Protein backbone atom coordinates (compact mmCIF):
# COMPACT_ATOMS: atom_id res chain seq x y z
CA MET A 1 17.36 -74.19 -75.83
CA ALA A 2 18.01 -70.54 -75.08
CA ALA A 3 14.95 -68.32 -75.22
CA GLN A 4 16.79 -65.19 -76.33
CA ALA A 5 19.22 -64.79 -79.18
CA ASP A 6 20.29 -61.39 -77.83
CA ASN A 7 23.10 -60.81 -75.35
CA HIS A 8 21.73 -59.14 -72.21
CA ASP A 9 25.00 -58.80 -70.35
CA GLY A 10 24.64 -55.00 -70.56
CA LEU A 11 21.85 -55.25 -67.96
CA ALA A 12 24.45 -56.26 -65.38
CA GLU A 13 26.10 -52.84 -65.48
CA GLY A 14 24.20 -50.66 -63.03
CA GLY A 15 21.34 -53.11 -62.65
CA PHE A 16 22.83 -55.72 -60.36
CA GLY A 17 25.30 -55.88 -57.51
CA SER A 18 28.16 -58.35 -57.36
CA ALA A 19 26.31 -60.68 -54.96
CA GLU A 20 23.40 -60.83 -57.39
CA MET A 21 25.68 -61.62 -60.31
CA ALA A 22 27.32 -64.37 -58.25
CA LEU A 23 23.93 -66.12 -58.16
CA LEU A 24 24.49 -66.90 -61.85
CA ASP A 25 28.03 -68.25 -61.43
CA ASP A 26 26.87 -71.86 -61.83
CA CYS A 27 24.53 -71.04 -64.71
CA PRO A 28 25.54 -72.70 -67.99
CA PRO A 29 27.03 -70.05 -70.32
CA VAL A 30 24.41 -70.73 -72.99
CA GLU A 31 21.64 -69.84 -70.48
CA ARG A 32 23.33 -66.97 -68.64
CA SER A 33 22.06 -64.14 -70.83
CA ASP A 34 18.49 -65.45 -70.64
CA TRP A 35 18.69 -65.70 -66.86
CA LEU A 36 20.07 -62.20 -66.58
CA LEU A 37 17.00 -60.96 -68.46
CA ARG A 38 14.72 -63.02 -66.19
CA LEU A 39 16.32 -61.48 -63.11
CA TRP A 40 15.75 -58.02 -64.57
CA CYS A 41 12.11 -58.90 -65.22
CA ALA A 42 11.83 -60.18 -61.63
CA LYS A 43 13.03 -56.81 -60.32
CA GLU A 44 10.53 -54.97 -62.50
CA ALA A 45 7.70 -57.29 -61.43
CA ALA A 46 8.65 -56.80 -57.77
CA GLY A 47 8.49 -53.02 -58.18
CA LYS A 48 5.09 -53.27 -59.82
CA ALA A 49 3.82 -55.66 -57.12
CA LEU A 50 4.81 -53.07 -54.51
CA GLY A 51 3.07 -50.38 -56.55
CA VAL A 52 6.18 -48.22 -56.85
CA GLY A 53 8.06 -49.41 -59.92
CA LEU A 54 11.85 -49.34 -59.90
CA LEU A 55 11.89 -45.66 -58.87
CA GLY A 56 14.68 -45.08 -61.36
CA ASN A 57 17.08 -47.37 -59.51
CA PRO A 58 17.01 -51.14 -60.04
CA LEU A 59 19.38 -51.49 -57.08
CA ASN A 60 16.35 -50.71 -54.85
CA PHE A 61 15.53 -54.37 -55.48
CA VAL A 62 18.03 -57.11 -54.67
CA VAL A 63 17.84 -60.65 -56.00
CA ARG A 64 18.52 -62.93 -53.04
CA ARG A 65 17.86 -66.40 -54.46
CA VAL A 66 17.45 -68.00 -57.87
CA ASP A 67 15.83 -71.40 -58.39
CA ARG A 68 16.39 -72.07 -62.08
CA GLU A 69 14.69 -75.47 -61.96
CA ARG A 70 11.44 -74.03 -60.58
CA GLU A 71 11.90 -70.71 -62.39
CA LYS A 72 11.52 -68.73 -59.16
CA VAL A 73 13.45 -65.67 -58.02
CA VAL A 74 13.35 -64.15 -54.53
CA VAL A 75 13.72 -60.37 -54.49
CA GLU A 76 14.04 -58.08 -51.46
CA SER A 77 13.55 -54.36 -51.16
CA GLY A 78 13.77 -51.84 -48.37
CA LEU A 79 10.73 -50.08 -49.80
CA ALA A 80 7.26 -50.23 -48.26
CA PRO A 81 4.39 -51.40 -50.48
CA GLY A 82 2.48 -48.59 -52.17
CA THR A 83 4.54 -45.71 -50.79
CA GLY A 84 8.08 -45.93 -52.13
CA GLY A 85 9.23 -44.97 -48.64
CA ALA A 86 11.47 -47.05 -46.42
CA SER A 87 9.92 -50.11 -44.79
CA ASP A 88 10.65 -51.28 -41.24
CA GLY A 89 12.51 -54.31 -42.58
CA PRO A 90 13.15 -56.00 -45.89
CA THR A 91 10.12 -56.56 -48.06
CA ARG A 92 10.41 -59.99 -49.68
CA LEU A 93 8.75 -60.98 -52.93
CA THR A 94 8.78 -64.15 -55.00
CA ALA A 95 8.78 -63.78 -58.76
CA HIS A 96 7.88 -66.59 -61.12
CA VAL A 97 9.88 -66.10 -64.29
CA GLY A 98 9.94 -67.68 -67.71
CA CYS A 99 10.53 -67.31 -71.40
CA ASP A 100 8.16 -68.00 -74.26
CA ARG A 101 8.67 -67.25 -77.94
CA ASN A 102 11.83 -65.21 -77.26
CA LEU A 103 10.13 -63.06 -74.60
CA ALA A 104 10.97 -63.10 -70.90
CA PHE A 105 8.30 -62.46 -68.29
CA ALA A 106 7.86 -62.37 -64.52
CA VAL A 107 4.98 -62.21 -62.08
CA ALA A 108 5.77 -61.27 -58.48
CA ARG A 109 3.86 -61.63 -55.25
CA LEU A 110 4.52 -60.19 -51.84
CA GLU A 111 5.48 -62.79 -49.23
CA GLY A 112 4.25 -62.78 -45.66
CA PRO A 113 1.03 -61.63 -44.02
């Protein structure tokens, strides 16, 4: 059952690159809008986990992998935690996403040491 009755396809415009959208190509159409919202929430959670937010540009955060069965999303950013400045390499975060009572949510954690 879909968690959202709303259509969230508008998030795709300006919020995701083509490679990110391709991650939903095998998503059943009835679930696609919900997963788009979960990916958006994953980006927001990643920005908060880094302590910088989206900095006005959701493309600062790139969804690299989606595991719909486990409800996990891997997000990368070129931003350093806590500063908003460039990091030496990609900063990788894992977001656990879900829906409950028509609300989507995500909690992200920084991977690595």
